[in-house]
Amino acid sequence: MIKSIENTEHYQWGSNCDGWHLLKADSLSVIQERMPAGSSETRHYHIRSQQLFYVLSGTASFDIEGEIFLLNPGESIHVQKGRNHCIANPGAVALEFLVISEPKSHGDRVEAGS
């Protein structure tokens, strides 16, 4: 089946952020997410899941273990399991990206504090 944000499961997270499950399997998850300008998530890590984030539009700021990375459209970053990380949208427009998790990251998130 062809999937898009128009015909797949949607959820909201954080402060007005959106996610759409393009693939929702125990062994692999692909989610398209959108973060409004100025939004961010809390620092966390995953015990089992590794993740790849791929920026579709906007600019993403990643904090991984205290190191800051800025990603533009067409760029990606890999976050290994067990590494503290968070994403923020420092830009003036919405940030859209794919997050690919192996295995799925839902239910595998541990809040890490500031």
C-alpha atoms as a PDB file:
ATOM      1  CA  MET A   1       0.000   0.000   0.000  1.00  0.00           C
ATOM      2  CA  ILE A   2       1.182   3.519  -0.804  1.00  0.00           C
ATOM      3  CA  LYS A   3       1.418   5.631   2.358  1.00  0.00           C
ATOM      4  CA  SER A   4       1.550   9.366   2.931  1.00  0.00           C
ATOM      5  CA  ILE A   5       0.642  11.763   5.723  1.00  0.00           C
ATOM      6  CA  GLU A   6      -2.814  11.902   4.132  1.00  0.00           C
ATOM      7  CA  ASN A   7      -3.682   8.231   4.721  1.00  0.00           C
ATOM      8  CA  THR A   8      -1.691   6.945   7.686  1.00  0.00           C
ATOM      9  CA  GLU A   9      -1.901   7.000  11.493  1.00  0.00           C
ATOM     10  CA  HIS A  10      -1.260  10.452  12.953  1.00  0.00           C
ATOM     11  CA  TYR A  11      -0.264  11.430  16.502  1.00  0.00           C
ATOM     12  CA  GLN A  12       0.764  14.599  18.295  1.00  0.00           C
ATOM     13  CA  TRP A  13       3.697  15.016  20.654  1.00  0.00           C
ATOM     14  CA  GLY A  14       5.477  17.797  22.523  1.00  0.00           C
ATOM     15  CA  SER A  15       4.199  21.317  21.859  1.00  0.00           C
ATOM     16  CA  ASN A  16       2.094  21.113  18.685  1.00  0.00           C
ATOM     17  CA  CYS A  17       4.415  18.611  16.947  1.00  0.00           C
ATOM     18  CA  ASP A  18       2.988  16.007  14.571  1.00  0.00           C
ATOM     19  CA  GLY A  19       4.003  12.501  13.558  1.00  0.00           C
ATOM     20  CA  TRP A  20       2.729  10.124  10.875  1.00  0.00           C
ATOM     21  CA  HIS A  21       3.556   6.397  10.914  1.00  0.00           C
ATOM     22  CA  LEU A  22       4.666   5.521   7.378  1.00  0.00           C
ATOM     23  CA  LEU A  23       5.841   2.099   8.584  1.00  0.00           C
ATOM     24  CA  LYS A  24       4.902   0.742  11.990  1.00  0.00           C
ATOM     25  CA  ALA A  25       6.477  -2.650  12.653  1.00  0.00           C
ATOM     26  CA  ASP A  26       8.223  -4.009  15.740  1.00  0.00           C
ATOM     27  CA  SER A  27      11.537  -4.379  13.896  1.00  0.00           C
ATOM     28  CA  LEU A  28      11.463  -1.091  11.935  1.00  0.00           C
ATOM     29  CA  SER A  29       9.660   2.235  12.237  1.00  0.00           C
ATOM     30  CA  VAL A  30       9.534   5.083   9.713  1.00  0.00           C
ATOM     31  CA  ILE A  31       7.823   8.269  10.843  1.00  0.00           C
ATOM     32  CA  GLN A  32       7.446  11.633   9.153  1.00  0.00           C
ATOM     33  CA  GLU A  33       7.417  14.381  11.769  1.00  0.00           C
ATOM     34  CA  ARG A  34       6.776  18.114  11.784  1.00  0.00           C
ATOM     35  CA  MET A  35       7.949  20.578  14.439  1.00  0.00           C
ATOM     36  CA  PRO A  36       6.779  24.217  14.484  1.00  0.00           C
ATOM     37  CA  ALA A  37       9.321  27.041  14.536  1.00  0.00           C
ATOM     38  CA  GLY A  38      11.000  27.399  17.928  1.00  0.00           C
ATOM     39  CA  SER A  39       9.889  24.013  19.275  1.00  0.00           C
ATOM     40  CA  SER A  40      12.070  21.356  20.895  1.00  0.00           C
ATOM     41  CA  GLU A  41      11.827  18.011  22.638  1.00  0.00           C
ATOM     42  CA  THR A  42      13.277  16.825  25.926  1.00  0.00           C
ATOM     43  CA  ARG A  43      16.621  15.050  26.200  1.00  0.00           C
ATOM     44  CA  HIS A  44      16.235  11.273  26.170  1.00  0.00           C
ATOM     45  CA  TYR A  45      17.795   8.022  25.000  1.00  0.00           C
ATOM     46  CA  HIS A  46      16.670   4.619  23.754  1.00  0.00           C
ATOM     47  CA  ILE A  47      17.803   1.361  25.323  1.00  0.00           C
ATOM     48  CA  ARG A  48      17.340  -0.814  22.215  1.00  0.00           C
ATOM     49  CA  SER A  49      16.684   1.499  19.261  1.00  0.00           C
ATOM     50  CA  GLN A  50      19.107   3.189  16.926  1.00  0.00           C
ATOM     51  CA  GLN A  51      17.713   6.053  14.865  1.00  0.00           C
ATOM     52  CA  LEU A  52      18.424   7.906  11.656  1.00  0.00           C
ATOM     53  CA  PHE A  53      16.967  11.391  11.211  1.00  0.00           C
ATOM     54  CA  TYR A  54      16.676  12.805   7.664  1.00  0.00           C
ATOM     55  CA  VAL A  55      15.697  16.468   7.191  1.00  0.00           C
ATOM     56  CA  LEU A  56      13.089  17.123   4.497  1.00  0.00           C
ATOM     57  CA  SER A  57      12.646  20.893   5.043  1.00  0.00           C
ATOM     58  CA  GLY A  58      13.714  23.507   7.567  1.00  0.00           C
ATOM     59  CA  THR A  59      16.732  23.330   9.866  1.00  0.00           C
ATOM     60  CA  ALA A  60      17.201  20.841  12.707  1.00  0.00           C
ATOM     61  CA  SER A  61      19.446  21.304  15.708  1.00  0.00           C
ATOM     62  CA  PHE A  62      20.514  18.057  17.367  1.00  0.00           C
ATOM     63  CA  ASP A  63      22.141  17.801  20.754  1.00  0.00           C
ATOM     64  CA  ILE A  64      23.811  14.391  20.985  1.00  0.00           C
ATOM     65  CA  GLU A  65      25.729  13.797  24.210  1.00  0.00           C
ATOM     66  CA  GLY A  66      26.278  17.584  24.519  1.00  0.00           C
ATOM     67  CA  GLU A  67      27.585  18.095  20.968  1.00  0.00           C
ATOM     68  CA  ILE A  68      25.414  20.307  18.722  1.00  0.00           C
ATOM     69  CA  PHE A  69      24.804  19.475  15.049  1.00  0.00           C
ATOM     70  CA  LEU A  70      22.839  21.645  12.575  1.00  0.00           C
ATOM     71  CA  LEU A  71      21.197  19.775   9.715  1.00  0.00           C
ATOM     72  CA  ASN A  72      19.711  21.228   6.543  1.00  0.00           C
ATOM     73  CA  PRO A  73      17.368  19.633   3.976  1.00  0.00           C
ATOM     74  CA  GLY A  74      18.902  16.527   2.434  1.00  0.00           C
ATOM     75  CA  GLU A  75      21.150  15.823   5.428  1.00  0.00           C
ATOM     76  CA  SER A  76      20.879  13.041   7.998  1.00  0.00           C
ATOM     77  CA  ILE A  77      22.330  12.017  11.334  1.00  0.00           C
ATOM     78  CA  HIS A  78      22.574   8.623  13.042  1.00  0.00           C
ATOM     79  CA  VAL A  79      21.926   8.321  16.778  1.00  0.00           C
ATOM     80  CA  GLN A  80      23.170   5.080  18.302  1.00  0.00           C
ATOM     81  CA  LYS A  81      21.194   3.367  21.052  1.00  0.00           C
ATOM     82  CA  GLY A  82      21.971   4.575  24.554  1.00  0.00           C
ATOM     83  CA  ARG A  83      23.074   8.078  23.472  1.00  0.00           C
ATOM     84  CA  ASN A  84      21.380  11.084  25.070  1.00  0.00           C
ATOM     85  CA  HIS A  85      19.849  13.267  22.378  1.00  0.00           C
ATOM     86  CA  CYS A  86      17.169  15.800  21.535  1.00  0.00           C
ATOM     87  CA  ILE A  87      16.046  17.726  18.472  1.00  0.00           C
ATOM     88  CA  ALA A  88      15.003  21.362  18.197  1.00  0.00           C
ATOM     89  CA  ASN A  89      13.756  23.637  15.448  1.00  0.00           C
ATOM     90  CA  PRO A  90      15.726  26.894  15.746  1.00  0.00           C
ATOM     91  CA  GLY A  91      14.329  28.237  12.477  1.00  0.00           C
ATOM     92  CA  ALA A  92      11.452  30.555  11.588  1.00  0.00           C
ATOM     93  CA  VAL A  93       9.595  27.897   9.567  1.00  0.00           C
ATOM     94  CA  ALA A  94       8.326  24.391  10.311  1.00  0.00           C
ATOM     95  CA  LEU A  95      10.870  21.566  10.381  1.00  0.00           C
ATOM     96  CA  GLU A  96       9.896  18.355   8.586  1.00  0.00           C
ATOM     97  CA  PHE A  97      11.961  15.189   8.840  1.00  0.00           C
ATOM     98  CA  LEU A  98      11.914  11.407   8.741  1.00  0.00           C
ATOM     99  CA  VAL A  99      12.915   9.379  11.775  1.00  0.00           C
ATOM    100  CA  ILE A 100      13.809   5.770  11.048  1.00  0.00           C
ATOM    101  CA  SER A 101      14.156   3.531  14.112  1.00  0.00           C
ATOM    102  CA  GLU A 102      15.448  -0.038  14.321  1.00  0.00           C
ATOM    103  CA  PRO A 103      13.793  -1.629  16.186  1.00  0.00           C
ATOM    104  CA  LYS A 104      10.818   0.681  16.827  1.00  0.00           C
ATOM    105  CA  SER A 105      11.507   3.389  19.406  1.00  0.00           C
ATOM    106  CA  HIS A 106       7.995   3.759  20.842  1.00  0.00           C
ATOM    107  CA  GLY A 107       8.049   2.215  24.311  1.00  0.00           C
ATOM    108  CA  ASP A 108      11.866   2.372  24.349  1.00  0.00           C
ATOM    109  CA  ARG A 109      12.316   6.012  25.396  1.00  0.00           C
ATOM    110  CA  VAL A 110      13.985   6.989  28.690  1.00  0.00           C
ATOM    111  CA  GLU A 111      13.855  10.638  29.768  1.00  0.00           C
ATOM    112  CA  ALA A 112      17.354  11.876  30.599  1.00  0.00           C
ATOM    113  CA  GLY A 113      16.682  15.307  32.124  1.00  0.00           C
ATOM    114  CA  SER A 114      18.583  18.450  31.149  1.00  0.00           C
END
